[in-house]
């Protein structure tokens, strides 16, 4: 059972690593997301392969999945074109690429009736607002922590009061 779920777990771990790296490094990971797109496409084919009854169905599976993931890669690379980059900051374009990967993964999971692939896509999609929230709220969280520490220092009893 674990061996059958291993490809999904590897994709999920790779996605979490990519999300964490994007979140903390503030560097775009476009090449990584493209690699993950190809890897997800291969896992989709491997997942549905045993359910394809004959050679014709397997050919159709490979052909439709290849077109699906190639189209997604083209869309990702359109976002990375220099003309498009003038419209969005680098970090925002990286999040757009991640969102495209999430959308493609959810759609592939629905198409293949694979809840594991769909869940991976939903997890990727949920990470986009989470990344934005952490980036926007980091200063607020730091100020809140400093306020709590300051209140603690101000009101912490320090020995006996003198009268």
Protein backbone atom coordinates (compact mmCIF):
# COMPACT_ATOMS: atom_id res chain seq x y z
CA UNK A 1 0.00 0.00 0.00
CA UNK A 2 2.79 2.44 0.89
CA UNK A 3 4.53 1.68 -2.40
CA UNK A 4 1.37 2.65 -4.33
CA UNK A 5 1.10 5.93 -2.40
CA UNK A 6 4.82 6.74 -2.61
CA UNK A 7 4.62 8.83 -5.83
CA UNK A 8 1.93 11.05 -4.27
CA UNK A 9 3.93 11.43 -1.08
CA UNK A 10 7.07 12.34 -3.02
CA UNK A 11 5.15 14.97 -5.02
CA UNK A 12 3.61 16.36 -1.82
CA UNK A 13 7.00 16.54 -0.08
CA UNK A 14 8.57 18.22 -3.13
CA UNK A 15 5.69 20.71 -3.23
CA UNK A 16 6.07 21.48 0.49
CA UNK A 17 9.84 21.95 0.07
CA UNK A 18 9.25 24.28 -2.89
CA UNK A 19 6.61 26.24 -1.01
CA UNK A 20 8.81 26.57 2.06
CA UNK A 21 11.78 27.67 -0.04
CA UNK A 22 9.66 30.21 -1.90
CA UNK A 23 8.26 31.50 1.37
CA UNK A 24 11.55 31.97 3.21
CA UNK A 25 14.03 32.79 0.45
CA UNK A 26 11.87 35.28 -1.46
CA UNK A 27 13.47 33.86 -4.62
CA UNK A 28 11.46 32.59 -7.58
CA UNK A 29 11.54 28.85 -8.13
CA UNK A 30 10.18 28.74 -11.66
CA UNK A 31 12.47 25.93 -12.83
CA UNK A 32 11.50 23.85 -9.82
CA UNK A 33 7.79 24.30 -10.54
CA UNK A 34 8.39 23.29 -14.16
CA UNK A 35 10.20 20.15 -12.96
CA UNK A 36 7.32 19.43 -10.56
CA UNK A 37 4.87 19.89 -13.45
CA UNK A 38 6.65 17.22 -15.51
CA UNK A 39 6.95 14.92 -12.50
CA UNK A 40 3.24 15.33 -11.74
CA UNK A 41 2.39 14.53 -15.35
CA UNK A 42 4.43 11.34 -15.16
CA UNK A 43 2.74 10.35 -11.90
CA UNK A 44 -0.66 10.98 -13.50
CA UNK A 45 0.20 8.63 -16.35
CA UNK A 46 1.59 6.00 -13.98
CA UNK A 47 -1.52 6.27 -11.80
CA UNK A 48 -4.00 5.71 -14.60
CA UNK A 49 -1.91 3.21 -16.60
CA UNK A 50 -3.17 0.05 -14.83
CA UNK A 51 -6.80 1.15 -15.34
CA UNK A 52 -6.34 1.50 -19.12
CA UNK A 53 -7.82 -1.70 -20.56
CA UNK A 54 -5.92 -1.88 -23.85
CA UNK A 55 -3.18 -0.36 -25.96
CA UNK A 56 -5.54 2.21 -27.51
CA UNK A 57 -6.66 3.46 -24.08
CA UNK A 58 -3.04 3.70 -22.91
CA UNK A 59 -2.08 5.66 -26.01
CA UNK A 60 -5.01 8.02 -25.42
CA UNK A 61 -3.98 8.38 -21.76
CA UNK A 62 -0.39 9.30 -22.63
CA UNK A 63 -1.49 11.62 -25.45
CA UNK A 64 -4.09 13.52 -23.39
CA UNK A 65 -1.84 13.82 -20.34
CA UNK A 66 1.07 14.99 -22.48
CA UNK A 67 -1.11 17.66 -24.09
CA UNK A 68 -2.49 18.70 -20.69
CA UNK A 69 0.92 19.15 -19.07
CA UNK A 70 2.60 20.68 -22.16
CA UNK A 71 -0.21 23.26 -22.31
CA UNK A 72 0.38 24.01 -18.65
CA UNK A 73 4.13 24.40 -19.24
CA UNK A 74 3.44 26.79 -22.12
CA UNK A 75 1.13 28.87 -19.90
CA UNK A 76 3.78 28.94 -17.17
CA UNK A 77 6.43 30.08 -19.60
CA UNK A 78 4.15 32.80 -20.99
CA UNK A 79 4.02 34.24 -17.47
CA UNK A 80 7.83 34.22 -17.41
CA UNK A 81 8.26 36.14 -20.67
CA UNK A 82 10.07 39.48 -20.25
CA UNK A 83 7.05 41.44 -21.49
CA UNK A 84 4.86 39.81 -18.86
CA UNK A 85 7.51 40.30 -16.19
CA UNK A 86 7.17 44.08 -16.55
CA UNK A 87 3.56 43.75 -15.35
CA UNK A 88 4.29 41.67 -12.27
CA UNK A 89 7.12 41.62 -9.74
CA UNK A 90 9.28 38.48 -9.76
CA UNK A 91 7.76 37.06 -6.58
CA UNK A 92 4.23 37.57 -7.90
CA UNK A 93 5.01 35.79 -11.17
CA UNK A 94 6.39 32.86 -9.18
CA UNK A 95 3.08 32.66 -7.30
CA UNK A 96 1.17 32.80 -10.60
CA UNK A 97 3.27 29.88 -11.89
CA UNK A 98 2.52 27.97 -8.67
CA UNK A 99 -1.20 28.72 -9.04
CA UNK A 100 -1.16 27.47 -12.64
CA UNK A 101 0.49 24.25 -11.44
CA UNK A 102 -2.18 23.92 -8.74
CA UNK A 103 -4.98 24.42 -11.27
CA UNK A 104 -3.47 21.91 -13.70
CA UNK A 105 -3.02 19.37 -10.92
CA UNK A 106 -6.60 19.67 -9.68
CA UNK A 107 -7.94 19.35 -13.23
CA UNK A 108 -5.75 16.31 -13.90
CA UNK A 109 -6.96 14.69 -10.68
CA UNK A 110 -10.58 15.31 -11.66
CA UNK A 111 -9.98 13.99 -15.17
CA UNK A 112 -8.30 10.83 -13.87
CA UNK A 113 -10.68 10.39 -10.91
CA UNK A 114 -7.69 10.48 -8.58
CA UNK A 115 -8.39 12.12 -5.24
CA UNK A 116 -4.68 11.98 -4.39
CA UNK A 117 -3.74 14.11 -7.40
CA UNK A 118 -6.68 16.46 -6.74
CA UNK A 119 -5.62 16.85 -3.10
CA UNK A 120 -2.09 17.73 -4.19
CA UNK A 121 -3.54 20.44 -6.43
CA UNK A 122 -5.74 21.79 -3.64
CA UNK A 123 -2.73 21.84 -1.28
CA UNK A 124 -0.71 23.76 -3.88
CA UNK A 125 -3.58 26.22 -4.38
CA UNK A 126 -4.00 26.74 -0.64
CA UNK A 127 -0.29 27.47 -0.31
CA UNK A 128 -0.50 30.57 -2.55
CA UNK A 129 -2.60 32.69 -0.15
CA UNK A 130 -0.64 31.22 2.76
CA UNK A 131 2.64 32.41 1.23
CA UNK A 132 1.18 35.87 0.61
CA UNK A 133 -0.25 36.07 4.14
CA UNK A 134 3.05 35.09 5.78
CA UNK A 135 4.95 37.63 3.69
CA UNK A 136 2.49 40.41 4.45
CA UNK A 137 2.04 39.62 8.11
CA UNK A 138 5.63 38.90 9.12
CA UNK A 139 6.20 42.47 10.32
CA UNK A 140 2.83 42.52 12.09
CA UNK A 141 3.64 39.23 13.84
CA UNK A 142 7.04 40.56 14.90
CA UNK A 143 5.44 43.71 16.32
CA UNK A 144 2.79 41.65 18.14
CA UNK A 145 5.46 39.42 19.70
CA UNK A 146 7.47 42.48 20.75
CA UNK A 147 4.31 44.01 22.30
CA UNK A 148 3.61 40.84 24.28
CA UNK A 149 7.21 40.67 25.49
CA UNK A 150 7.11 44.36 26.39
CA UNK A 151 3.89 43.94 28.37
CA UNK A 152 5.37 40.91 30.08
CA UNK A 153 8.47 42.85 31.06
CA UNK A 154 6.40 45.83 32.25
CA UNK A 155 3.98 43.86 34.39
CA UNK A 156 6.13 40.94 35.54
CA UNK A 157 6.53 41.05 39.32
CA UNK A 158 10.16 41.73 40.23
CA UNK A 159 10.59 40.77 43.82
CA UNK A 160 9.16 42.57 46.83
CA UNK A 161 7.58 45.93 46.53
CA UNK A 162 8.95 48.55 48.94
CA UNK A 163 6.53 50.65 50.89
